[in-house]
Amino acid sequence: MMKAQDIMTEDVVTIRGSATVAQAVALMKLKKLRALIVDRRHEQDAYGIVTETDIVYKVAAYGHDPKKVRVYEIMTKPCISINPDLGVEYVARLFANTGIRRAPVIKGELLGIISVTDILTKSDFVEQPKSLLLDQRIQKAVEEARATCAEKGPTSKECAAAWDIVEELQAEASHQRGQKLVKTAFEEYCDENPDAAEARIYEV
């Protein structure tokens, strides 16, 4: 599974919140960027982000003087940030759910920036669709669960734990596709082995 750190852009350009929007525009033109990360004022502070959309919608659209408007007046802070270890499909889902197109990659410090363009051009979602890989993992987990239950018994703790893994994977697949699971693999197994359900009743 590719992670955010595998496709992020490491060369991040930052700007101070006190800089003018005119300075931000000049920097964006120079570096050919659509967004700048707004640097923290101190270690406990949060990072911000200012995008071309912020500038167009909040400054140009109202005829404000970009030499007088400061970055901190139009930026988003704190901004949504990405953990470098987050899987690319989860980054894509976060972008889809929040409507953002890019975010800084942070783990203690600023490591890079990731955008929808990075996901489109650098990730392996075309060659390695995650739904297909997930289906393969579910199939393998079901086979392992059935083998464990055959060896240890359908009411054993080992059998129950094996089906927990299957159900977690199936829940993830169901969430990914936005579809409710009609019947889990464990429920199908219980049709064959009714006693197995008792092993899933945990003590509180």
Protein backbone atom coordinates (compact mmCIF):
# COMPACT_ATOMS: atom_id res chain seq x y z
CA MET A 1 0.00 0.00 0.00
CA MET A 2 1.43 3.36 -1.02
CA LYS A 3 1.57 5.99 1.68
CA ALA A 4 1.36 9.76 1.63
CA GLN A 5 5.12 10.02 2.10
CA ASP A 6 5.67 7.97 -1.07
CA ILE A 7 3.99 10.49 -3.36
CA MET A 8 4.21 13.82 -1.50
CA THR A 9 6.28 16.75 -2.76
CA GLU A 10 9.11 17.29 -0.31
CA ASP A 11 10.15 20.72 -1.55
CA VAL A 12 7.59 22.80 0.33
CA VAL A 13 7.47 26.56 0.00
CA THR A 14 6.37 28.42 3.12
CA ILE A 15 5.41 32.03 3.79
CA ARG A 16 4.86 34.08 6.93
CA GLY A 17 1.33 34.95 7.93
CA SER A 18 2.37 38.60 8.16
CA ALA A 19 3.43 38.69 4.49
CA THR A 20 1.19 40.57 2.08
CA VAL A 21 -0.99 38.78 -0.44
CA ALA A 22 1.02 40.53 -3.17
CA GLN A 23 4.16 38.83 -1.83
CA ALA A 24 2.32 35.49 -1.78
CA VAL A 25 1.22 35.94 -5.40
CA ALA A 26 4.77 36.82 -6.46
CA LEU A 27 6.12 33.72 -4.71
CA MET A 28 3.44 31.51 -6.28
CA LYS A 29 4.29 32.84 -9.76
CA LEU A 30 8.02 32.40 -9.19
CA LYS A 31 7.71 28.82 -7.93
CA LYS A 32 4.73 27.93 -10.18
CA LEU A 33 2.61 26.89 -7.18
CA ARG A 34 -1.10 26.91 -6.40
CA ALA A 35 -0.70 27.02 -2.62
CA LEU A 36 1.76 28.03 0.07
CA ILE A 37 2.09 26.63 3.56
CA VAL A 38 1.92 29.36 6.20
CA ASP A 39 4.73 28.82 8.65
CA ARG A 40 4.20 28.44 12.39
CA ARG A 41 5.13 31.33 14.66
CA HIS A 42 6.43 28.91 17.28
CA GLU A 43 6.59 25.15 17.94
CA GLN A 44 3.16 24.98 19.62
CA ASP A 45 1.52 26.90 16.79
CA ALA A 46 -0.38 25.28 13.92
CA TYR A 47 0.50 25.43 10.24
CA GLY A 48 -1.80 27.26 7.87
CA ILE A 49 -2.35 27.19 4.11
CA VAL A 50 -3.14 29.89 1.57
CA THR A 51 -4.27 28.86 -1.90
CA GLU A 52 -4.85 30.52 -5.23
CA THR A 53 -8.58 30.11 -4.57
CA ASP A 54 -8.28 32.04 -1.29
CA ILE A 55 -6.58 34.89 -3.11
CA VAL A 56 -9.02 35.00 -6.02
CA TYR A 57 -12.18 34.54 -3.95
CA LYS A 58 -11.26 36.72 -0.97
CA VAL A 59 -9.08 39.45 -2.48
CA ALA A 60 -9.43 39.76 -6.26
CA ALA A 61 -13.20 39.17 -6.23
CA TYR A 62 -13.73 42.17 -3.90
CA GLY A 63 -11.17 44.50 -5.45
CA HIS A 64 -9.03 44.58 -2.30
CA ASP A 65 -5.46 45.83 -2.58
CA PRO A 66 -3.21 42.72 -2.31
CA LYS A 67 -0.39 44.96 -1.08
CA LYS A 68 -2.42 45.83 2.00
CA VAL A 69 -4.12 42.51 2.77
CA ARG A 70 -2.05 40.11 4.87
CA VAL A 71 -1.84 36.36 4.34
CA TYR A 72 -3.17 35.66 7.84
CA GLU A 73 -6.41 37.45 6.92
CA ILE A 74 -7.33 34.98 4.18
CA MET A 75 -5.49 31.76 5.07
CA THR A 76 -6.97 28.59 6.56
CA LYS A 77 -5.49 27.85 9.98
CA PRO A 78 -5.19 25.32 11.41
CA CYS A 79 -5.32 23.47 8.12
CA ILE A 80 -6.08 19.80 7.60
CA SER A 81 -2.80 17.92 7.70
CA ILE A 82 -1.80 14.44 6.59
CA ASN A 83 0.23 11.85 8.49
CA PRO A 84 3.04 10.58 6.23
CA ASP A 85 2.08 6.97 7.04
CA LEU A 86 -1.53 7.40 5.87
CA GLY A 87 -2.47 5.19 2.91
CA VAL A 88 -3.03 7.07 -0.35
CA GLU A 89 -6.64 5.88 -0.68
CA TYR A 90 -7.40 7.39 2.73
CA VAL A 91 -5.80 10.66 1.68
CA ALA A 92 -8.02 10.64 -1.42
CA ARG A 93 -11.09 9.90 0.71
CA LEU A 94 -10.22 12.72 3.13
CA PHE A 95 -9.88 15.11 0.20
CA ALA A 96 -13.22 13.95 -1.19
CA ASN A 97 -14.99 14.30 2.17
CA THR A 98 -13.60 17.76 2.95
CA GLY A 99 -13.45 19.24 -0.54
CA ILE A 100 -9.79 20.22 -0.26
CA ARG A 101 -7.26 19.66 -3.04
CA ARG A 102 -3.98 19.68 -1.11
CA ALA A 103 -2.65 19.45 2.43
CA PRO A 104 0.68 19.59 4.26
CA VAL A 105 2.23 16.32 5.37
CA ILE A 106 3.18 16.71 9.01
CA LYS A 107 4.59 14.48 11.70
CA GLY A 108 6.03 16.70 14.38
CA GLU A 109 7.43 18.91 11.62
CA LEU A 110 6.54 19.87 8.07
CA LEU A 111 7.70 17.05 5.77
CA GLY A 112 6.01 17.86 2.48
CA ILE A 113 2.75 18.64 0.73
CA ILE A 114 0.36 16.29 -1.06
CA SER A 115 -2.24 17.19 -3.67
CA VAL A 116 -4.87 15.58 -5.85
CA THR A 117 -2.37 15.90 -8.70
CA ASP A 118 0.15 13.80 -6.73
CA ILE A 119 -2.51 11.12 -6.21
CA LEU A 120 -3.41 11.17 -9.89
CA THR A 121 0.12 11.13 -11.29
CA LYS A 122 2.27 9.34 -8.71
CA SER A 123 0.11 6.73 -6.96
CA ASP A 124 -0.63 3.19 -8.14
CA PHE A 125 -4.44 3.28 -7.93
CA VAL A 126 -4.76 2.44 -11.64
CA GLU A 127 -2.38 -0.52 -11.54
CA GLN A 128 -3.30 -1.65 -8.01
CA PRO A 129 -6.94 -0.79 -7.23
CA LYS A 130 -7.35 -1.15 -3.47
CA SER A 131 -10.80 -2.75 -3.70
CA LEU A 132 -9.30 -5.65 -5.64
CA LEU A 133 -6.46 -6.05 -3.13
CA LEU A 134 -8.94 -5.85 -0.26
CA ASP A 135 -11.09 -8.58 -1.82
CA GLN A 136 -8.00 -10.77 -2.08
CA ARG A 137 -7.11 -10.11 1.57
CA ILE A 138 -10.68 -10.96 2.64
CA GLN A 139 -10.64 -14.21 0.69
CA LYS A 140 -7.31 -15.19 2.25
CA ALA A 141 -8.53 -14.25 5.75
CA VAL A 142 -11.70 -16.35 5.28
CA GLU A 143 -9.61 -19.34 4.24
CA GLU A 144 -7.33 -18.88 7.25
CA ALA A 145 -10.31 -18.49 9.60
CA ARG A 146 -11.92 -21.68 8.30
CA ALA A 147 -8.60 -23.53 8.65
CA THR A 148 -8.14 -22.24 12.21
CA CYS A 149 -11.67 -23.24 13.17
CA ALA A 150 -11.23 -26.69 11.63
CA GLU A 151 -8.07 -27.19 13.69
CA LYS A 152 -9.06 -25.52 16.98
CA GLY A 153 -12.82 -26.01 16.85
CA PRO A 154 -15.64 -23.64 15.92
CA THR A 155 -16.18 -22.52 19.53
CA SER A 156 -12.49 -21.81 20.28
CA LYS A 157 -11.11 -18.36 21.04
CA GLU A 158 -8.70 -18.75 18.13
CA CYS A 159 -11.61 -19.32 15.77
CA ALA A 160 -13.42 -16.25 17.09
CA ALA A 161 -10.29 -14.09 16.75
CA ALA A 162 -9.78 -15.25 13.17
CA TRP A 163 -13.33 -14.21 12.24
CA ASP A 164 -12.77 -10.83 13.95
CA ILE A 165 -10.03 -10.17 11.39
CA VAL A 166 -12.34 -11.16 8.53
CA GLU A 167 -15.13 -8.90 9.75
CA GLU A 168 -12.80 -5.92 10.15
CA LEU A 169 -11.70 -6.34 6.53
CA GLN A 170 -15.27 -6.77 5.32
CA ALA A 171 -16.35 -3.67 7.26
CA GLU A 172 -13.55 -1.69 5.60
CA ALA A 173 -14.58 -2.95 2.15
CA SER A 174 -18.22 -2.10 2.87
CA HIS A 175 -17.27 1.42 4.02
CA GLN A 176 -15.03 1.91 0.99
CA ARG A 177 -17.83 1.02 -1.42
CA GLY A 178 -20.53 2.85 0.52
CA GLN A 179 -22.62 -0.30 0.66
CA LYS A 180 -24.06 -2.09 3.65
CA LEU A 181 -22.90 -5.70 3.95
CA VAL A 182 -25.88 -8.04 3.59
CA LYS A 183 -24.24 -11.04 5.22
CA THR A 184 -20.76 -11.40 6.71
CA ALA A 185 -18.50 -14.36 6.05
CA PHE A 186 -18.83 -15.27 9.72
CA GLU A 187 -22.63 -15.35 9.50
CA GLU A 188 -22.31 -17.67 6.52
CA TYR A 189 -19.95 -19.84 8.57
CA CYS A 190 -22.48 -19.88 11.44
CA ASP A 191 -25.11 -21.23 9.05
CA GLU A 192 -22.85 -24.28 8.76
CA ASN A 193 -21.66 -24.26 12.38
CA PRO A 194 -24.35 -22.75 14.68
CA ASP A 195 -22.22 -23.29 17.81
CA ALA A 196 -19.57 -20.89 16.52
CA ALA A 197 -21.70 -17.86 17.44
CA GLU A 198 -21.29 -18.66 21.13
CA ALA A 199 -17.53 -18.12 20.89
CA ARG A 200 -18.13 -14.50 19.82
CA ILE A 201 -19.98 -13.60 23.04
CA TYR A 202 -17.26 -11.82 24.96
CA GLU A 203 -17.16 -11.22 28.68
CA VAL A 204 -17.39 -7.56 29.60
